[in-house]
Amino acid sequence: MELIEDLIARLGDDETNRVLAPLWERPILKRNAVGIHGTLFYDNDHRKSFIPQSKREVDWNEQTINQAQFDLFSRYR
């Protein structure tokens, strides 16, 4: 999970454009995608306060996960 603003801040405009340009030139249907590794969010700066500081799932708030997730995530923290 990544906000476009954070990606640009980390990589800079030129590198972000270099990385993303090929994606926009080769669209595919979701049903044909194999292994989506993340989601890039645009125009969500107003929701930034709701997005966790850490984007690792093992760092999710313990109050928002079930016991099975807690047991799994605690092994990787």
PDB file of N, CA and C in Angstrom:
ATOM      1  N   MET A   1       0.856  -1.161   0.000  1.00  0.00           N
ATOM      2  CA  MET A   1       0.000   0.000   0.000  1.00  0.00           C
ATOM      3  C   MET A   1       0.904   1.226   0.000  1.00  0.00           C
ATOM      4  N   GLU A   2       0.619   2.146  -0.885  1.00  0.00           N
ATOM      5  CA  GLU A   2       1.461   3.333  -1.010  1.00  0.00           C
ATOM      6  C   GLU A   2       0.621   4.507  -1.490  1.00  0.00           C
ATOM      7  N   LEU A   3       0.873   5.654  -0.931  1.00  0.00           N
ATOM      8  CA  LEU A   3       0.275   6.891  -1.427  1.00  0.00           C
ATOM      9  C   LEU A   3       1.221   7.472  -2.464  1.00  0.00           C
ATOM     10  N   ILE A   4       0.686   7.973  -3.557  1.00  0.00           N
ATOM     11  CA  ILE A   4       1.537   8.523  -4.605  1.00  0.00           C
ATOM     12  C   ILE A   4       2.428   9.630  -4.064  1.00  0.00           C
ATOM     13  N   GLU A   5       1.911  10.416  -3.123  1.00  0.00           N
ATOM     14  CA  GLU A   5       2.702  11.494  -2.540  1.00  0.00           C
ATOM     15  C   GLU A   5       3.931  10.956  -1.814  1.00  0.00           C
ATOM     16  N   ASP A   6       3.777   9.832  -1.117  1.00  0.00           N
ATOM     17  CA  ASP A   6       4.904   9.224  -0.406  1.00  0.00           C
ATOM     18  C   ASP A   6       5.914   8.631  -1.383  1.00  0.00           C
ATOM     19  N   LEU A   7       5.407   8.026  -2.453  1.00  0.00           N
ATOM     20  CA  LEU A   7       6.301   7.454  -3.463  1.00  0.00           C
ATOM     21  C   LEU A   7       7.149   8.541  -4.111  1.00  0.00           C
ATOM     22  N   ILE A   8       6.516   9.640  -4.476  1.00  0.00           N
ATOM     23  CA  ILE A   8       7.251  10.757  -5.091  1.00  0.00           C
ATOM     24  C   ILE A   8       8.255  11.348  -4.115  1.00  0.00           C
ATOM     25  N   ALA A   9       7.870  11.472  -2.844  1.00  0.00           N
ATOM     26  CA  ALA A   9       8.791  12.002  -1.832  1.00  0.00           C
ATOM     27  C   ALA A   9      10.010  11.099  -1.677  1.00  0.00           C
ATOM     28  N   ARG A  10       9.799   9.784  -1.772  1.00  0.00           N
ATOM     29  CA  ARG A  10      10.891   8.834  -1.591  1.00  0.00           C
ATOM     30  C   ARG A  10      11.777   8.713  -2.829  1.00  0.00           C
ATOM     31  N   LEU A  11      11.156   8.680  -4.018  1.00  0.00           N
ATOM     32  CA  LEU A  11      11.916   8.443  -5.246  1.00  0.00           C
ATOM     33  C   LEU A  11      12.246   9.697  -6.048  1.00  0.00           C
ATOM     34  N   GLY A  12      11.436  10.735  -5.884  1.00  0.00           N
ATOM     35  CA  GLY A  12      11.576  11.923  -6.720  1.00  0.00           C
ATOM     36  C   GLY A  12      10.707  11.792  -7.960  1.00  0.00           C
ATOM     37  N   ASP A  13      10.428  12.912  -8.597  1.00  0.00           N
ATOM     38  CA  ASP A  13       9.543  12.921  -9.768  1.00  0.00           C
ATOM     39  C   ASP A  13      10.070  12.079 -10.926  1.00  0.00           C
ATOM     40  N   ASP A  14      11.344  12.262 -11.260  1.00  0.00           N
ATOM     41  CA  ASP A  14      11.897  11.573 -12.434  1.00  0.00           C
ATOM     42  C   ASP A  14      11.876  10.054 -12.271  1.00  0.00           C
ATOM     43  N   GLU A  15      12.319   9.572 -11.114  1.00  0.00           N
ATOM     44  CA  GLU A  15      12.359   8.122 -10.897  1.00  0.00           C
ATOM     45  C   GLU A  15      10.948   7.538 -10.811  1.00  0.00           C
ATOM     46  N   THR A  16      10.032   8.265 -10.178  1.00  0.00           N
ATOM     47  CA  THR A  16       8.644   7.800 -10.110  1.00  0.00           C
ATOM     48  C   THR A  16       8.069   7.673 -11.508  1.00  0.00           C
ATOM     49  N   ASN A  17       8.282   8.663 -12.346  1.00  0.00           N
ATOM     50  CA  ASN A  17       7.802   8.600 -13.731  1.00  0.00           C
ATOM     51  C   ASN A  17       8.438   7.455 -14.497  1.00  0.00           C
ATOM     52  N   ARG A  18       9.730   7.228 -14.278  1.00  0.00           N
ATOM     53  CA  ARG A  18      10.419   6.136 -14.967  1.00  0.00           C
ATOM     54  C   ARG A  18       9.834   4.783 -14.575  1.00  0.00           C
ATOM     55  N   VAL A  19       9.505   4.622 -13.296  1.00  0.00           N
ATOM     56  CA  VAL A  19       8.961   3.358 -12.808  1.00  0.00           C
ATOM     57  C   VAL A  19       7.516   3.145 -13.262  1.00  0.00           C
ATOM     58  N   LEU A  20       6.710   4.195 -13.217  1.00  0.00           N
ATOM     59  CA  LEU A  20       5.278   4.042 -13.485  1.00  0.00           C
ATOM     60  C   LEU A  20       4.896   4.127 -14.965  1.00  0.00           C
ATOM     61  N   ALA A  21       5.678   4.808 -15.770  1.00  0.00           N
ATOM     62  CA  ALA A  21       5.321   4.997 -17.184  1.00  0.00           C
ATOM     63  C   ALA A  21       5.006   3.682 -17.901  1.00  0.00           C
ATOM     64  N   PRO A  22       5.818   2.640 -17.742  1.00  0.00           N
ATOM     65  CA  PRO A  22       5.497   1.384 -18.443  1.00  0.00           C
ATOM     66  C   PRO A  22       4.173   0.759 -18.005  1.00  0.00           C
ATOM     67  N   LEU A  23       3.767   0.997 -16.752  1.00  0.00           N
ATOM     68  CA  LEU A  23       2.504   0.433 -16.278  1.00  0.00           C
ATOM     69  C   LEU A  23       1.318   1.002 -17.037  1.00  0.00           C
ATOM     70  N   TRP A  24       1.364   2.285 -17.318  1.00  0.00           N
ATOM     71  CA  TRP A  24       0.236   2.942 -17.990  1.00  0.00           C
ATOM     72  C   TRP A  24       0.198   2.593 -19.469  1.00  0.00           C
ATOM     73  N   GLU A  25       1.315   2.119 -19.999  1.00  0.00           N
ATOM     74  CA  GLU A  25       1.375   1.778 -21.426  1.00  0.00           C
ATOM     75  C   GLU A  25       0.958   0.340 -21.707  1.00  0.00           C
ATOM     76  N   ARG A  26       0.816  -0.493 -20.659  1.00  0.00           N
ATOM     77  CA  ARG A  26       0.481  -1.900 -20.847  1.00  0.00           C
ATOM     78  C   ARG A  26      -0.633  -2.333 -19.901  1.00  0.00           C
ATOM     79  N   PRO A  27      -1.834  -1.782 -20.050  1.00  0.00           N
ATOM     80  CA  PRO A  27      -2.920  -2.171 -19.145  1.00  0.00           C
ATOM     81  C   PRO A  27      -3.345  -3.623 -19.374  1.00  0.00           C
ATOM     82  N   ILE A  28      -3.804  -4.254 -18.286  1.00  0.00           N
ATOM     83  CA  ILE A  28      -4.381  -5.590 -18.385  1.00  0.00           C
ATOM     84  C   ILE A  28      -5.648  -5.623 -17.527  1.00  0.00           C
ATOM     85  N   LEU A  29      -6.493  -6.596 -17.785  1.00  0.00           N
ATOM     86  CA  LEU A  29      -7.687  -6.775 -16.971  1.00  0.00           C
ATOM     87  C   LEU A  29      -7.296  -7.356 -15.615  1.00  0.00           C
ATOM     88  N   LYS A  30      -8.000  -6.944 -14.559  1.00  0.00           N
ATOM     89  CA  LYS A  30      -7.700  -7.469 -13.218  1.00  0.00           C
ATOM     90  C   LYS A  30      -7.767  -8.988 -13.188  1.00  0.00           C
ATOM     91  N   ARG A  31      -8.738  -9.557 -13.890  1.00  0.00           N
ATOM     92  CA  ARG A  31      -8.884 -11.012 -13.847  1.00  0.00           C
ATOM     93  C   ARG A  31      -7.691 -11.734 -14.467  1.00  0.00           C
ATOM     94  N   ASN A  32      -6.891 -11.039 -15.280  1.00  0.00           N
ATOM     95  CA  ASN A  32      -5.711 -11.637 -15.892  1.00  0.00           C
ATOM     96  C   ASN A  32      -4.429 -11.347 -15.127  1.00  0.00           C
ATOM     97  N   ALA A  33      -4.540 -10.528 -14.085  1.00  0.00           N
ATOM     98  CA  ALA A  33      -3.356 -10.181 -13.290  1.00  0.00           C
ATOM     99  C   ALA A  33      -2.985 -11.360 -12.394  1.00  0.00           C
ATOM    100  N   VAL A  34      -1.713 -11.638 -12.353  1.00  0.00           N
ATOM    101  CA  VAL A  34      -1.205 -12.704 -11.496  1.00  0.00           C
ATOM    102  C   VAL A  34      -0.281 -12.064 -10.470  1.00  0.00           C
ATOM    103  N   GLY A  35      -0.671 -12.148  -9.205  1.00  0.00           N
ATOM    104  CA  GLY A  35       0.187 -11.653  -8.135  1.00  0.00           C
ATOM    105  C   GLY A  35       0.255 -10.151  -8.034  1.00  0.00           C
ATOM    106  N   ILE A  36      -0.830  -9.510  -7.634  1.00  0.00           N
ATOM    107  CA  ILE A  36      -0.786  -8.069  -7.381  1.00  0.00           C
ATOM    108  C   ILE A  36      -0.057  -7.870  -6.064  1.00  0.00           C
ATOM    109  N   HIS A  37       0.999  -7.084  -6.077  1.00  0.00           N
ATOM    110  CA  HIS A  37       1.868  -6.945  -4.910  1.00  0.00           C
ATOM    111  C   HIS A  37       1.583  -5.701  -4.085  1.00  0.00           C
ATOM    112  N   GLY A  38       0.658  -4.880  -4.499  1.00  0.00           N
ATOM    113  CA  GLY A  38       0.363  -3.693  -3.715  1.00  0.00           C
ATOM    114  C   GLY A  38      -0.643  -2.811  -4.413  1.00  0.00           C
ATOM    115  N   THR A  39      -1.001  -1.741  -3.738  1.00  0.00           N
ATOM    116  CA  THR A  39      -1.962  -0.795  -4.263  1.00  0.00           C
ATOM    117  C   THR A  39      -1.384   0.602  -4.140  1.00  0.00           C
ATOM    118  N   LEU A  40      -1.458   1.356  -5.212  1.00  0.00           N
ATOM    119  CA  LEU A  40      -0.986   2.733  -5.226  1.00  0.00           C
ATOM    120  C   LEU A  40      -2.200   3.646  -5.209  1.00  0.00           C
ATOM    121  N   PHE A  41      -2.305   4.469  -4.177  1.00  0.00           N
ATOM    122  CA  PHE A  41      -3.451   5.347  -3.998  1.00  0.00           C
ATOM    123  C   PHE A  41      -3.139   6.752  -4.476  1.00  0.00           C
ATOM    124  N   TYR A  42      -4.064   7.337  -5.225  1.00  0.00           N
ATOM    125  CA  TYR A  42      -3.972   8.711  -5.697  1.00  0.00           C
ATOM    126  C   TYR A  42      -5.048   9.547  -5.015  1.00  0.00           C
ATOM    127  N   ASP A  43      -4.755  10.819  -4.821  1.00  0.00           N
ATOM    128  CA  ASP A  43      -5.735  11.785  -4.293  1.00  0.00           C
ATOM    129  C   ASP A  43      -6.346  11.334  -2.973  1.00  0.00           C
ATOM    130  N   ASN A  44      -5.531  10.836  -2.080  1.00  0.00           N
ATOM    131  CA  ASN A  44      -6.017  10.385  -0.782  1.00  0.00           C
ATOM    132  C   ASN A  44      -5.328  11.106   0.365  1.00  0.00           C
ATOM    133  N   ASP A  45      -4.762  12.253   0.098  1.00  0.00           N
ATOM    134  CA  ASP A  45      -4.058  12.989   1.145  1.00  0.00           C
ATOM    135  C   ASP A  45      -4.992  13.306   2.313  1.00  0.00           C
ATOM    136  N   HIS A  46      -6.271  13.538   2.036  1.00  0.00           N
ATOM    137  CA  HIS A  46      -7.237  13.839   3.092  1.00  0.00           C
ATOM    138  C   HIS A  46      -7.513  12.633   3.985  1.00  0.00           C
ATOM    139  N   ARG A  47      -7.123  11.443   3.551  1.00  0.00           N
ATOM    140  CA  ARG A  47      -7.322  10.230   4.351  1.00  0.00           C
ATOM    141  C   ARG A  47      -6.039   9.765   5.028  1.00  0.00           C
ATOM    142  N   LYS A  48      -4.980  10.523   4.876  1.00  0.00           N
ATOM    143  CA  LYS A  48      -3.678  10.108   5.381  1.00  0.00           C
ATOM    144  C   LYS A  48      -3.696   9.797   6.876  1.00  0.00           C
ATOM    145  N   SER A  49      -4.526  10.501   7.631  1.00  0.00           N
ATOM    146  CA  SER A  49      -4.569  10.252   9.081  1.00  0.00           C
ATOM    147  C   SER A  49      -5.139   8.869   9.410  1.00  0.00           C
ATOM    148  N   PHE A  50      -5.834   8.247   8.477  1.00  0.00           N
ATOM    149  CA  PHE A  50      -6.409   6.923   8.702  1.00  0.00           C
ATOM    150  C   PHE A  50      -5.487   5.794   8.248  1.00  0.00           C
ATOM    151  N   ILE A  51      -4.456   6.145   7.516  1.00  0.00           N
ATOM    152  CA  ILE A  51      -3.543   5.141   6.983  1.00  0.00           C
ATOM    153  C   ILE A  51      -2.415   4.928   7.993  1.00  0.00           C
ATOM    154  N   PRO A  52      -2.128   3.670   8.343  1.00  0.00           N
ATOM    155  CA  PRO A  52      -1.100   3.405   9.347  1.00  0.00           C
ATOM    156  C   PRO A  52       0.274   3.936   8.928  1.00  0.00           C
ATOM    157  N   GLN A  53       1.063   4.335   9.912  1.00  0.00           N
ATOM    158  CA  GLN A  53       2.422   4.807   9.633  1.00  0.00           C
ATOM    159  C   GLN A  53       3.225   3.720   8.933  1.00  0.00           C
ATOM    160  N   SER A  54       3.163   2.529   9.486  1.00  0.00           N
ATOM    161  CA  SER A  54       3.839   1.393   8.881  1.00  0.00           C
ATOM    162  C   SER A  54       2.858   0.714   7.936  1.00  0.00           C
ATOM    163  N   LYS A  55       3.310   0.394   6.765  1.00  0.00           N
ATOM    164  CA  LYS A  55       2.429  -0.248   5.798  1.00  0.00           C
ATOM    165  C   LYS A  55       2.583  -1.772   5.824  1.00  0.00           C
ATOM    166  N   ARG A  56       3.375  -2.286   6.774  1.00  0.00           N
ATOM    167  CA  ARG A  56       3.527  -3.732   6.918  1.00  0.00           C
ATOM    168  C   ARG A  56       2.316  -4.290   7.649  1.00  0.00           C
ATOM    169  N   GLU A  57       1.725  -5.340   7.121  1.00  0.00           N
ATOM    170  CA  GLU A  57       0.535  -5.893   7.751  1.00  0.00           C
ATOM    171  C   GLU A  57       0.817  -6.409   9.153  1.00  0.00           C
ATOM    172  N   VAL A  58       2.036  -6.829   9.423  1.00  0.00           N
ATOM    173  CA  VAL A  58       2.344  -7.338  10.762  1.00  0.00           C
ATOM    174  C   VAL A  58       2.346  -6.236  11.816  1.00  0.00           C
ATOM    175  N   ASP A  59       2.306  -4.980  11.393  1.00  0.00           N
ATOM    176  CA  ASP A  59       2.272  -3.857  12.317  1.00  0.00           C
ATOM    177  C   ASP A  59       0.864  -3.307  12.538  1.00  0.00           C
ATOM    178  N   TRP A  60      -0.158  -3.972  11.994  1.00  0.00           N
ATOM    179  CA  TRP A  60      -1.529  -3.497  12.174  1.00  0.00           C
ATOM    180  C   TRP A  60      -1.873  -3.420  13.654  1.00  0.00           C
ATOM    181  N   ASN A  61      -2.749  -2.522  13.991  1.00  0.00           N
ATOM    182  CA  ASN A  61      -3.219  -2.342  15.355  1.00  0.00           C
ATOM    183  C   ASN A  61      -3.848  -3.645  15.854  1.00  0.00           C
ATOM    184  N   GLU A  62      -3.422  -4.079  17.024  1.00  0.00           N
ATOM    185  CA  GLU A  62      -3.915  -5.353  17.565  1.00  0.00           C
ATOM    186  C   GLU A  62      -5.422  -5.357  17.807  1.00  0.00           C
ATOM    187  N   GLN A  63      -6.020  -4.193  17.961  1.00  0.00           N
ATOM    188  CA  GLN A  63      -7.466  -4.113  18.170  1.00  0.00           C
ATOM    189  C   GLN A  63      -8.262  -4.320  16.888  1.00  0.00           C
ATOM    190  N   THR A  64      -7.581  -4.322  15.745  1.00  0.00           N
ATOM    191  CA  THR A  64      -8.283  -4.442  14.466  1.00  0.00           C
ATOM    192  C   THR A  64      -8.098  -5.804  13.808  1.00  0.00           C
ATOM    193  N   ILE A  65      -7.417  -6.727  14.482  1.00  0.00           N
ATOM    194  CA  ILE A  65      -7.171  -8.036  13.885  1.00  0.00           C
ATOM    195  C   ILE A  65      -7.742  -9.132  14.777  1.00  0.00           C
ATOM    196  N   ASN A  66      -7.967 -10.295  14.182  1.00  0.00           N
ATOM    197  CA  ASN A  66      -8.493 -11.424  14.960  1.00  0.00           C
ATOM    198  C   ASN A  66      -7.337 -12.208  15.586  1.00  0.00           C
ATOM    199  N   GLN A  67      -7.673 -13.202  16.386  1.00  0.00           N
ATOM    200  CA  GLN A  67      -6.647 -13.952  17.116  1.00  0.00           C
ATOM    201  C   GLN A  67      -5.694 -14.688  16.179  1.00  0.00           C
ATOM    202  N   ALA A  68      -6.225 -15.261  15.102  1.00  0.00           N
ATOM    203  CA  ALA A  68      -5.366 -15.976  14.152  1.00  0.00           C
ATOM    204  C   ALA A  68      -4.351 -15.029  13.514  1.00  0.00           C
ATOM    205  N   GLN A  69      -4.793 -13.828  13.143  1.00  0.00           N
ATOM    206  CA  GLN A  69      -3.869 -12.841  12.584  1.00  0.00           C
ATOM    207  C   GLN A  69      -2.851 -12.428  13.635  1.00  0.00           C
ATOM    208  N   PHE A  70      -3.316 -12.210  14.874  1.00  0.00           N
ATOM    209  CA  PHE A  70      -2.414 -11.828  15.954  1.00  0.00           C
ATOM    210  C   PHE A  70      -1.310 -12.867  16.136  1.00  0.00           C
ATOM    211  N   ASP A  71      -1.695 -14.139  16.169  1.00  0.00           N
ATOM    212  CA  ASP A  71      -0.723 -15.227  16.345  1.00  0.00           C
ATOM    213  C   ASP A  71       0.278 -15.248  15.203  1.00  0.00           C
ATOM    214  N   LEU A  72      -0.204 -15.101  13.982  1.00  0.00           N
ATOM    215  CA  LEU A  72       0.695 -15.098  12.826  1.00  0.00           C
ATOM    216  C   LEU A  72       1.615 -13.891  12.831  1.00  0.00           C
ATOM    217  N   PHE A  73       1.039 -12.695  12.979  1.00  0.00           N
ATOM    218  CA  PHE A  73       1.818 -11.473  12.896  1.00  0.00           C
ATOM    219  C   PHE A  73       2.855 -11.368  14.009  1.00  0.00           C
ATOM    220  N   SER A  74       2.522 -11.889  15.193  1.00  0.00           N
ATOM    221  CA  SER A  74       3.446 -11.772  16.322  1.00  0.00           C
ATOM    222  C   SER A  74       4.748 -12.531  16.065  1.00  0.00           C
ATOM    223  N   ARG A  75       4.714 -13.527  15.196  1.00  0.00           N
ATOM    224  CA  ARG A  75       5.935 -14.255  14.843  1.00  0.00           C
ATOM    225  C   ARG A  75       6.853 -13.467  13.920  1.00  0.00           C
ATOM    226  N   TYR A  76       6.323 -12.404  13.283  1.00  0.00           N
ATOM    227  CA  TYR A  76       7.104 -11.655  12.287  1.00  0.00           C
ATOM    228  C   TYR A  76       7.375 -10.219  12.689  1.00  0.00           C
ATOM    229  N   ARG A  77       7.033  -9.851  13.907  1.00  0.00           N
ATOM    230  CA  ARG A  77       7.281  -8.474  14.360  1.00  0.00           C
ATOM    231  C   ARG A  77       8.703  -8.284  14.782  1.00  0.00           C
TER     232      ARG A  77
END
